[in-house]
Amino acid sequence: MALSIPASLESQLDELVTHYPQKRSASLMFLHALQEHFGYVSNDAVEWTAAKLGLQPINVYELVTFYPMFRQEPLGKTHVKVCRTLSCALAGSSEIRDHFCKKLGLNSHAHTPQTTPDGKFTVEFVECLADCGSAPVVMVGESVLSKASIADADRVLAAGR
């Protein structure tokens, strides 16, 4: 395994295990911590977690692939989430996502996050961003763009170049 876990993180995870009746119960918390540190959950992180918790790698991989909050690839420098739920869809979120994808050379029909080859942008169609009254909603990093437009998308693209 090529994963290098900082001693301080490994110490925190070792302590975390003590809060659960069985080691495997800490699996999700391990994955969250590893993703926070590395930016995503790599195959090496899955194997490391399995070994640390006395599990088979498939047991950890099942969690990573089941829960949508876990990423298996690094995100681009600018992470764009476009809401696809009803309010946003009716207000034009599909057109905004299509615009991002067209400008960045990404597949507008893909169902998973896509990152540009240069690593500058990741575009993702997501479920509710909890601002339905201000649809369509786009989230760029931690910033929310309410009543987003194609012009807003162009500003995001210009700022991320």
N, C-alpha and C. Protein backbone atom coordinates (compact mmCIF):
# COMPACT_ATOMS: atom_id res chain seq x y z
N MET A 1 0.83 -1.19 0.00
CA MET A 1 0.00 0.00 0.00
C MET A 1 0.87 1.24 0.00
N ALA A 2 0.54 2.17 -0.86
CA ALA A 2 1.31 3.40 -1.00
C ALA A 2 0.73 4.54 -0.18
N LEU A 3 -0.29 4.29 0.61
CA LEU A 3 -0.94 5.35 1.37
C LEU A 3 -0.09 5.73 2.57
N SER A 4 0.18 7.01 2.68
CA SER A 4 0.96 7.52 3.81
C SER A 4 0.04 8.33 4.71
N ILE A 5 -0.30 7.76 5.84
CA ILE A 5 -1.20 8.40 6.79
C ILE A 5 -0.36 9.16 7.81
N PRO A 6 -0.60 10.45 7.98
CA PRO A 6 0.13 11.19 9.01
C PRO A 6 -0.12 10.57 10.39
N ALA A 7 0.89 10.58 11.21
CA ALA A 7 0.78 9.97 12.55
C ALA A 7 -0.36 10.59 13.34
N SER A 8 -0.56 11.90 13.21
CA SER A 8 -1.62 12.57 13.97
C SER A 8 -3.00 12.07 13.54
N LEU A 9 -3.21 11.85 12.24
CA LEU A 9 -4.49 11.35 11.75
C LEU A 9 -4.70 9.91 12.20
N GLU A 10 -3.65 9.10 12.09
CA GLU A 10 -3.78 7.71 12.52
C GLU A 10 -4.08 7.62 14.01
N SER A 11 -3.50 8.50 14.79
CA SER A 11 -3.76 8.54 16.22
C SER A 11 -5.22 8.91 16.50
N GLN A 12 -5.74 9.88 15.76
CA GLN A 12 -7.15 10.27 15.92
C GLN A 12 -8.07 9.11 15.56
N LEU A 13 -7.74 8.39 14.50
CA LEU A 13 -8.57 7.27 14.08
C LEU A 13 -8.49 6.11 15.08
N ASP A 14 -7.29 5.88 15.62
CA ASP A 14 -7.15 4.84 16.64
C ASP A 14 -8.02 5.16 17.85
N GLU A 15 -8.04 6.43 18.24
CA GLU A 15 -8.84 6.85 19.39
C GLU A 15 -10.33 6.74 19.06
N LEU A 16 -10.69 7.05 17.84
CA LEU A 16 -12.08 6.98 17.40
C LEU A 16 -12.65 5.57 17.54
N VAL A 17 -11.85 4.58 17.22
CA VAL A 17 -12.29 3.18 17.30
C VAL A 17 -12.76 2.84 18.71
N THR A 18 -12.18 3.47 19.71
CA THR A 18 -12.54 3.17 21.10
C THR A 18 -13.96 3.61 21.45
N HIS A 19 -14.59 4.40 20.60
CA HIS A 19 -15.95 4.90 20.86
C HIS A 19 -17.03 3.95 20.34
N TYR A 20 -16.63 2.86 19.73
CA TYR A 20 -17.58 1.95 19.11
C TYR A 20 -17.46 0.55 19.72
N PRO A 21 -18.59 -0.19 19.78
CA PRO A 21 -18.55 -1.53 20.36
C PRO A 21 -17.78 -2.53 19.49
N GLN A 22 -17.74 -2.29 18.18
CA GLN A 22 -16.97 -3.13 17.26
C GLN A 22 -16.17 -2.19 16.36
N LYS A 23 -14.97 -2.63 16.01
CA LYS A 23 -14.10 -1.81 15.15
C LYS A 23 -14.80 -1.39 13.86
N ARG A 24 -15.49 -2.33 13.22
CA ARG A 24 -16.10 -2.06 11.92
C ARG A 24 -17.10 -0.91 11.98
N SER A 25 -17.64 -0.65 13.16
CA SER A 25 -18.61 0.44 13.31
C SER A 25 -18.00 1.81 13.03
N ALA A 26 -16.69 1.90 13.05
CA ALA A 26 -16.00 3.17 12.80
C ALA A 26 -15.72 3.39 11.32
N SER A 27 -16.14 2.47 10.48
CA SER A 27 -15.81 2.53 9.05
C SER A 27 -16.18 3.85 8.39
N LEU A 28 -17.40 4.31 8.57
CA LEU A 28 -17.83 5.55 7.93
C LEU A 28 -17.01 6.75 8.42
N MET A 29 -16.74 6.78 9.70
CA MET A 29 -15.96 7.90 10.25
C MET A 29 -14.53 7.87 9.71
N PHE A 30 -13.96 6.69 9.55
CA PHE A 30 -12.63 6.57 8.94
C PHE A 30 -12.65 7.14 7.52
N LEU A 31 -13.65 6.73 6.75
CA LEU A 31 -13.74 7.18 5.36
C LEU A 31 -13.91 8.69 5.26
N HIS A 32 -14.74 9.24 6.14
CA HIS A 32 -14.91 10.70 6.16
C HIS A 32 -13.59 11.39 6.46
N ALA A 33 -12.89 10.90 7.45
CA ALA A 33 -11.61 11.52 7.84
C ALA A 33 -10.57 11.40 6.73
N LEU A 34 -10.50 10.25 6.09
CA LEU A 34 -9.53 10.06 5.01
C LEU A 34 -9.87 10.94 3.81
N GLN A 35 -11.17 11.04 3.49
CA GLN A 35 -11.56 11.90 2.38
C GLN A 35 -11.27 13.36 2.70
N GLU A 36 -11.52 13.75 3.93
CA GLU A 36 -11.23 15.14 4.31
C GLU A 36 -9.73 15.43 4.17
N HIS A 37 -8.91 14.47 4.54
CA HIS A 37 -7.46 14.68 4.48
C HIS A 37 -6.92 14.62 3.04
N PHE A 38 -7.34 13.63 2.27
CA PHE A 38 -6.78 13.41 0.93
C PHE A 38 -7.61 14.02 -0.20
N GLY A 39 -8.86 14.38 0.09
CA GLY A 39 -9.73 14.95 -0.93
C GLY A 39 -10.63 13.93 -1.61
N TYR A 40 -10.33 12.67 -1.43
CA TYR A 40 -11.13 11.58 -1.99
C TYR A 40 -10.70 10.29 -1.30
N VAL A 41 -11.43 9.21 -1.57
CA VAL A 41 -11.11 7.90 -0.99
C VAL A 41 -10.52 7.02 -2.09
N SER A 42 -9.23 6.84 -2.04
CA SER A 42 -8.52 6.03 -3.04
C SER A 42 -8.66 4.54 -2.72
N ASN A 43 -8.27 3.71 -3.67
CA ASN A 43 -8.25 2.26 -3.43
C ASN A 43 -7.30 1.93 -2.28
N ASP A 44 -6.18 2.66 -2.20
CA ASP A 44 -5.24 2.44 -1.09
C ASP A 44 -5.90 2.79 0.25
N ALA A 45 -6.73 3.83 0.27
CA ALA A 45 -7.42 4.21 1.51
C ALA A 45 -8.43 3.15 1.90
N VAL A 46 -9.08 2.55 0.92
CA VAL A 46 -10.02 1.46 1.19
C VAL A 46 -9.27 0.28 1.80
N GLU A 47 -8.15 -0.10 1.20
CA GLU A 47 -7.37 -1.23 1.72
C GLU A 47 -6.81 -0.94 3.11
N TRP A 48 -6.32 0.29 3.31
CA TRP A 48 -5.77 0.67 4.60
C TRP A 48 -6.85 0.60 5.68
N THR A 49 -8.03 1.13 5.36
CA THR A 49 -9.15 1.12 6.31
C THR A 49 -9.54 -0.32 6.64
N ALA A 50 -9.63 -1.16 5.64
CA ALA A 50 -10.00 -2.56 5.86
C ALA A 50 -8.99 -3.24 6.78
N ALA A 51 -7.72 -3.05 6.49
CA ALA A 51 -6.68 -3.67 7.32
C ALA A 51 -6.75 -3.15 8.75
N LYS A 52 -6.94 -1.86 8.90
CA LYS A 52 -6.96 -1.23 10.22
C LYS A 52 -8.14 -1.71 11.06
N LEU A 53 -9.27 -1.98 10.37
CA LEU A 53 -10.49 -2.37 11.10
C LEU A 53 -10.76 -3.87 11.06
N GLY A 54 -9.82 -4.64 10.50
CA GLY A 54 -9.98 -6.09 10.47
C GLY A 54 -11.09 -6.55 9.54
N LEU A 55 -11.26 -5.84 8.42
CA LEU A 55 -12.31 -6.17 7.45
C LEU A 55 -11.69 -6.60 6.12
N GLN A 56 -12.52 -7.12 5.27
CA GLN A 56 -12.10 -7.38 3.89
C GLN A 56 -12.27 -6.07 3.12
N PRO A 57 -11.41 -5.77 2.17
CA PRO A 57 -11.55 -4.53 1.40
C PRO A 57 -12.93 -4.35 0.77
N ILE A 58 -13.57 -5.44 0.36
CA ILE A 58 -14.90 -5.33 -0.26
C ILE A 58 -15.90 -4.72 0.72
N ASN A 59 -15.75 -4.99 2.03
CA ASN A 59 -16.65 -4.44 3.03
C ASN A 59 -16.58 -2.92 3.07
N VAL A 60 -15.39 -2.38 2.86
CA VAL A 60 -15.19 -0.93 2.87
C VAL A 60 -15.59 -0.36 1.51
N TYR A 61 -15.22 -1.05 0.45
CA TYR A 61 -15.55 -0.60 -0.90
C TYR A 61 -17.07 -0.48 -1.08
N GLU A 62 -17.82 -1.38 -0.47
CA GLU A 62 -19.29 -1.30 -0.53
C GLU A 62 -19.80 0.02 0.03
N LEU A 63 -19.20 0.49 1.08
CA LEU A 63 -19.60 1.77 1.68
C LEU A 63 -19.26 2.93 0.76
N VAL A 64 -18.05 2.90 0.20
CA VAL A 64 -17.60 3.99 -0.66
C VAL A 64 -18.47 4.10 -1.90
N THR A 65 -18.89 2.97 -2.44
CA THR A 65 -19.69 3.01 -3.65
C THR A 65 -21.18 3.21 -3.38
N PHE A 66 -21.63 2.92 -2.17
CA PHE A 66 -23.05 3.09 -1.84
C PHE A 66 -23.38 4.53 -1.48
N TYR A 67 -22.57 5.15 -0.66
CA TYR A 67 -22.87 6.49 -0.17
C TYR A 67 -22.34 7.55 -1.14
N PRO A 68 -23.22 8.44 -1.62
CA PRO A 68 -22.81 9.42 -2.63
C PRO A 68 -21.88 10.51 -2.11
N MET A 69 -21.71 10.63 -0.82
CA MET A 69 -20.82 11.68 -0.31
C MET A 69 -19.34 11.31 -0.43
N PHE A 70 -19.07 10.06 -0.74
CA PHE A 70 -17.68 9.65 -0.90
C PHE A 70 -17.26 9.74 -2.36
N ARG A 71 -16.10 10.31 -2.58
CA ARG A 71 -15.55 10.46 -3.92
C ARG A 71 -14.40 9.50 -4.09
N GLN A 72 -14.30 8.89 -5.27
CA GLN A 72 -13.23 7.94 -5.55
C GLN A 72 -12.15 8.55 -6.44
N GLU A 73 -12.34 9.78 -6.83
CA GLU A 73 -11.35 10.48 -7.63
C GLU A 73 -11.21 11.89 -7.08
N PRO A 74 -10.05 12.49 -7.28
CA PRO A 74 -9.87 13.86 -6.79
C PRO A 74 -10.79 14.84 -7.53
N LEU A 75 -11.21 15.86 -6.83
CA LEU A 75 -12.02 16.91 -7.44
C LEU A 75 -11.13 17.92 -8.14
N GLY A 76 -11.72 18.63 -9.08
CA GLY A 76 -11.01 19.74 -9.70
C GLY A 76 -10.86 20.88 -8.71
N LYS A 77 -10.04 21.83 -9.06
CA LYS A 77 -9.79 22.99 -8.19
C LYS A 77 -11.09 23.72 -7.90
N THR A 78 -11.96 23.85 -8.90
CA THR A 78 -13.27 24.47 -8.72
C THR A 78 -14.33 23.39 -8.86
N HIS A 79 -15.07 23.16 -7.77
CA HIS A 79 -16.11 22.12 -7.76
C HIS A 79 -17.45 22.80 -7.93
N VAL A 80 -18.13 22.47 -9.03
CA VAL A 80 -19.42 23.07 -9.36
C VAL A 80 -20.50 22.01 -9.20
N LYS A 81 -21.47 22.29 -8.33
CA LYS A 81 -22.61 21.40 -8.15
C LYS A 81 -23.84 22.13 -8.68
N VAL A 82 -24.57 21.48 -9.56
CA VAL A 82 -25.79 22.05 -10.11
C VAL A 82 -26.95 21.20 -9.62
N CYS A 83 -27.92 21.83 -8.96
CA CYS A 83 -29.07 21.10 -8.43
C CYS A 83 -29.94 20.59 -9.57
N ARG A 84 -30.42 19.34 -9.43
CA ARG A 84 -31.26 18.75 -10.48
C ARG A 84 -32.67 18.43 -9.99
N THR A 85 -33.00 18.79 -8.76
CA THR A 85 -34.34 18.43 -8.27
C THR A 85 -35.39 19.33 -8.91
N LEU A 86 -36.65 19.04 -8.66
CA LEU A 86 -37.77 19.60 -9.41
C LEU A 86 -37.76 21.12 -9.54
N SER A 87 -37.65 21.83 -8.43
CA SER A 87 -37.69 23.30 -8.50
C SER A 87 -36.60 23.83 -9.41
N CYS A 88 -35.39 23.32 -9.24
CA CYS A 88 -34.27 23.79 -10.04
C CYS A 88 -34.40 23.34 -11.50
N ALA A 89 -34.86 22.12 -11.71
CA ALA A 89 -35.04 21.63 -13.07
C ALA A 89 -36.04 22.50 -13.82
N LEU A 90 -37.14 22.84 -13.17
CA LEU A 90 -38.15 23.69 -13.81
C LEU A 90 -37.63 25.10 -14.08
N ALA A 91 -36.67 25.53 -13.28
CA ALA A 91 -36.12 26.89 -13.42
C ALA A 91 -34.91 26.94 -14.36
N GLY A 92 -34.50 25.80 -14.91
CA GLY A 92 -33.44 25.81 -15.90
C GLY A 92 -32.09 25.26 -15.51
N SER A 93 -32.03 24.45 -14.46
CA SER A 93 -30.72 23.94 -14.04
C SER A 93 -30.08 23.03 -15.08
N SER A 94 -30.87 22.31 -15.85
CA SER A 94 -30.29 21.44 -16.88
C SER A 94 -29.55 22.25 -17.93
N GLU A 95 -30.11 23.38 -18.29
CA GLU A 95 -29.46 24.24 -19.27
C GLU A 95 -28.14 24.79 -18.73
N ILE A 96 -28.12 25.11 -17.45
CA ILE A 96 -26.89 25.63 -16.83
C ILE A 96 -25.83 24.54 -16.80
N ARG A 97 -26.22 23.33 -16.41
CA ARG A 97 -25.26 22.22 -16.40
C ARG A 97 -24.75 21.94 -17.81
N ASP A 98 -25.66 21.92 -18.76
CA ASP A 98 -25.26 21.69 -20.16
C ASP A 98 -24.26 22.75 -20.61
N HIS A 99 -24.48 23.98 -20.19
CA HIS A 99 -23.58 25.09 -20.55
C HIS A 99 -22.18 24.85 -19.97
N PHE A 100 -22.13 24.51 -18.68
CA PHE A 100 -20.84 24.20 -18.06
C PHE A 100 -20.14 23.09 -18.84
N CYS A 101 -20.87 22.02 -19.09
CA CYS A 101 -20.28 20.86 -19.76
C CYS A 101 -19.80 21.22 -21.16
N LYS A 102 -20.59 21.95 -21.92
CA LYS A 102 -20.20 22.32 -23.28
C LYS A 102 -18.93 23.17 -23.25
N LYS A 103 -18.89 24.17 -22.37
CA LYS A 103 -17.74 25.07 -22.31
C LYS A 103 -16.47 24.35 -21.85
N LEU A 104 -16.65 23.30 -21.04
CA LEU A 104 -15.50 22.58 -20.48
C LEU A 104 -15.17 21.29 -21.24
N GLY A 105 -15.94 20.97 -22.25
CA GLY A 105 -15.68 19.76 -23.02
C GLY A 105 -16.05 18.49 -22.28
N LEU A 106 -17.07 18.56 -21.43
CA LEU A 106 -17.51 17.40 -20.64
C LEU A 106 -18.81 16.86 -21.22
N ASN A 107 -19.14 15.64 -20.86
CA ASN A 107 -20.35 14.97 -21.34
C ASN A 107 -21.54 15.44 -20.51
N SER A 108 -22.46 16.14 -21.13
CA SER A 108 -23.62 16.67 -20.40
C SER A 108 -24.62 15.59 -20.02
N HIS A 109 -24.42 14.36 -20.49
CA HIS A 109 -25.34 13.26 -20.15
C HIS A 109 -24.77 12.33 -19.08
N ALA A 110 -23.58 12.60 -18.62
CA ALA A 110 -22.97 11.74 -17.60
C ALA A 110 -23.71 11.87 -16.27
N HIS A 111 -23.75 10.80 -15.52
CA HIS A 111 -24.47 10.79 -14.24
C HIS A 111 -23.53 10.93 -13.04
N THR A 112 -22.26 10.98 -13.30
CA THR A 112 -21.29 11.08 -12.21
C THR A 112 -20.51 12.39 -12.34
N PRO A 113 -19.83 12.81 -11.28
CA PRO A 113 -19.00 14.02 -11.38
C PRO A 113 -17.95 13.84 -12.47
N GLN A 114 -17.69 14.91 -13.18
CA GLN A 114 -16.68 14.89 -14.24
C GLN A 114 -15.66 15.98 -13.98
N THR A 115 -14.40 15.64 -14.15
CA THR A 115 -13.33 16.60 -13.95
C THR A 115 -12.62 16.83 -15.27
N THR A 116 -12.31 18.10 -15.53
CA THR A 116 -11.60 18.43 -16.76
C THR A 116 -10.20 17.83 -16.71
N PRO A 117 -9.62 17.51 -17.87
CA PRO A 117 -8.29 16.90 -17.90
C PRO A 117 -7.22 17.74 -17.21
N ASP A 118 -7.38 19.06 -17.20
CA ASP A 118 -6.39 19.92 -16.55
C ASP A 118 -6.60 20.02 -15.04
N GLY A 119 -7.67 19.38 -14.52
CA GLY A 119 -7.92 19.37 -13.08
C GLY A 119 -8.46 20.68 -12.53
N LYS A 120 -8.88 21.58 -13.40
CA LYS A 120 -9.37 22.89 -12.93
C LYS A 120 -10.83 22.86 -12.47
N PHE A 121 -11.66 22.05 -13.11
CA PHE A 121 -13.09 22.03 -12.79
C PHE A 121 -13.61 20.62 -12.62
N THR A 122 -14.52 20.46 -11.67
CA THR A 122 -15.36 19.27 -11.57
C THR A 122 -16.79 19.77 -11.61
N VAL A 123 -17.60 19.18 -12.50
CA VAL A 123 -19.02 19.54 -12.61
C VAL A 123 -19.83 18.32 -12.21
N GLU A 124 -20.84 18.57 -11.38
CA GLU A 124 -21.63 17.48 -10.84
C GLU A 124 -23.10 17.91 -10.77
N PHE A 125 -23.99 17.05 -11.22
CA PHE A 125 -25.43 17.24 -11.06
C PHE A 125 -25.79 16.60 -9.73
N VAL A 126 -26.40 17.32 -8.81
CA VAL A 126 -26.65 16.81 -7.47
C VAL A 126 -28.11 16.95 -7.08
N GLU A 127 -28.47 16.24 -6.04
CA GLU A 127 -29.80 16.41 -5.48
C GLU A 127 -29.86 17.72 -4.70
N CYS A 128 -30.94 18.01 -4.13
CA CYS A 128 -31.30 19.28 -3.51
C CYS A 128 -30.16 19.99 -2.77
N LEU A 129 -29.99 21.26 -3.09
CA LEU A 129 -29.02 22.11 -2.40
C LEU A 129 -29.72 23.00 -1.36
N ALA A 130 -30.98 22.70 -1.06
CA ALA A 130 -31.74 23.31 0.03
C ALA A 130 -31.97 24.81 -0.12
N ASP A 131 -32.24 25.25 -1.35
CA ASP A 131 -32.58 26.65 -1.59
C ASP A 131 -33.63 26.70 -2.69
N CYS A 132 -34.65 25.85 -2.58
CA CYS A 132 -35.64 25.66 -3.64
C CYS A 132 -36.35 26.95 -4.04
N GLY A 133 -36.54 27.85 -3.10
CA GLY A 133 -37.21 29.11 -3.39
C GLY A 133 -36.39 30.04 -4.26
N SER A 134 -35.12 29.73 -4.45
CA SER A 134 -34.22 30.57 -5.24
C SER A 134 -33.65 29.80 -6.43
N ALA A 135 -34.45 28.90 -6.97
CA ALA A 135 -34.01 28.06 -8.07
C ALA A 135 -33.77 28.88 -9.34
N PRO A 136 -32.86 28.41 -10.18
CA PRO A 136 -31.97 27.26 -10.03
C PRO A 136 -30.78 27.60 -9.15
N VAL A 137 -30.30 26.60 -8.46
CA VAL A 137 -29.22 26.78 -7.50
C VAL A 137 -27.97 26.05 -7.97
N VAL A 138 -26.85 26.75 -7.88
CA VAL A 138 -25.54 26.20 -8.21
C VAL A 138 -24.64 26.46 -7.01
N MET A 139 -23.85 25.49 -6.65
CA MET A 139 -22.89 25.65 -5.56
C MET A 139 -21.49 25.55 -6.15
N VAL A 140 -20.68 26.55 -5.88
CA VAL A 140 -19.30 26.59 -6.35
C VAL A 140 -18.42 26.57 -5.12
N GLY A 141 -17.75 25.43 -4.89
CA GLY A 141 -17.03 25.27 -3.63
C GLY A 141 -18.06 25.30 -2.51
N GLU A 142 -17.92 26.26 -1.61
CA GLU A 142 -18.87 26.39 -0.50
C GLU A 142 -19.83 27.56 -0.70
N SER A 143 -19.75 28.22 -1.84
CA SER A 143 -20.60 29.38 -2.12
C SER A 143 -21.83 28.96 -2.92
N VAL A 144 -22.97 29.50 -2.53
CA VAL A 144 -24.23 29.18 -3.21
C VAL A 144 -24.61 30.33 -4.13
N LEU A 145 -24.94 29.97 -5.36
CA LEU A 145 -25.46 30.95 -6.33
C LEU A 145 -26.96 30.67 -6.47
N SER A 146 -27.76 31.57 -5.93
CA SER A 146 -29.21 31.44 -6.03
C SER A 146 -29.67 32.12 -7.31
N LYS A 147 -30.78 31.61 -7.87
CA LYS A 147 -31.32 32.13 -9.14
C LYS A 147 -30.21 32.24 -10.18
N ALA A 148 -29.43 31.18 -10.27
CA ALA A 148 -28.26 31.14 -11.15
C ALA A 148 -28.68 31.25 -12.62
N SER A 149 -27.77 31.80 -13.40
CA SER A 149 -28.02 32.01 -14.82
C SER A 149 -26.80 31.54 -15.64
N ILE A 150 -26.97 31.56 -16.94
CA ILE A 150 -25.86 31.24 -17.84
C ILE A 150 -24.74 32.26 -17.62
N ALA A 151 -25.10 33.51 -17.40
CA ALA A 151 -24.09 34.56 -17.16
C ALA A 151 -23.31 34.24 -15.88
N ASP A 152 -24.00 33.73 -14.84
CA ASP A 152 -23.29 33.33 -13.62
C ASP A 152 -22.32 32.19 -13.92
N ALA A 153 -22.76 31.24 -14.73
CA ALA A 153 -21.89 30.12 -15.12
C ALA A 153 -20.65 30.65 -15.83
N ASP A 154 -20.83 31.60 -16.72
CA ASP A 154 -19.68 32.16 -17.43
C ASP A 154 -18.72 32.87 -16.48
N ARG A 155 -19.25 33.53 -15.46
CA ARG A 155 -18.37 34.19 -14.47
C ARG A 155 -17.58 33.16 -13.68
N VAL A 156 -18.22 32.06 -13.32
CA VAL A 156 -17.54 30.97 -12.61
C VAL A 156 -16.42 30.41 -13.47
N LEU A 157 -16.72 30.19 -14.73
CA LEU A 157 -15.71 29.66 -15.65
C LEU A 157 -14.54 30.61 -15.82
N ALA A 158 -14.83 31.88 -15.94
CA ALA A 158 -13.77 32.88 -16.11
C ALA A 158 -12.90 32.97 -14.86
N ALA A 159 -13.51 32.89 -13.69
CA ALA A 159 -12.77 32.99 -12.43
C ALA A 159 -11.89 31.77 -12.20
N GLY A 160 -12.32 30.60 -12.71
CA GLY A 160 -11.57 29.36 -12.47
C GLY A 160 -10.49 29.07 -13.48
N ARG A 161 -10.38 29.86 -14.50
CA ARG A 161 -9.38 29.60 -15.56
C ARG A 161 -8.01 30.00 -15.14
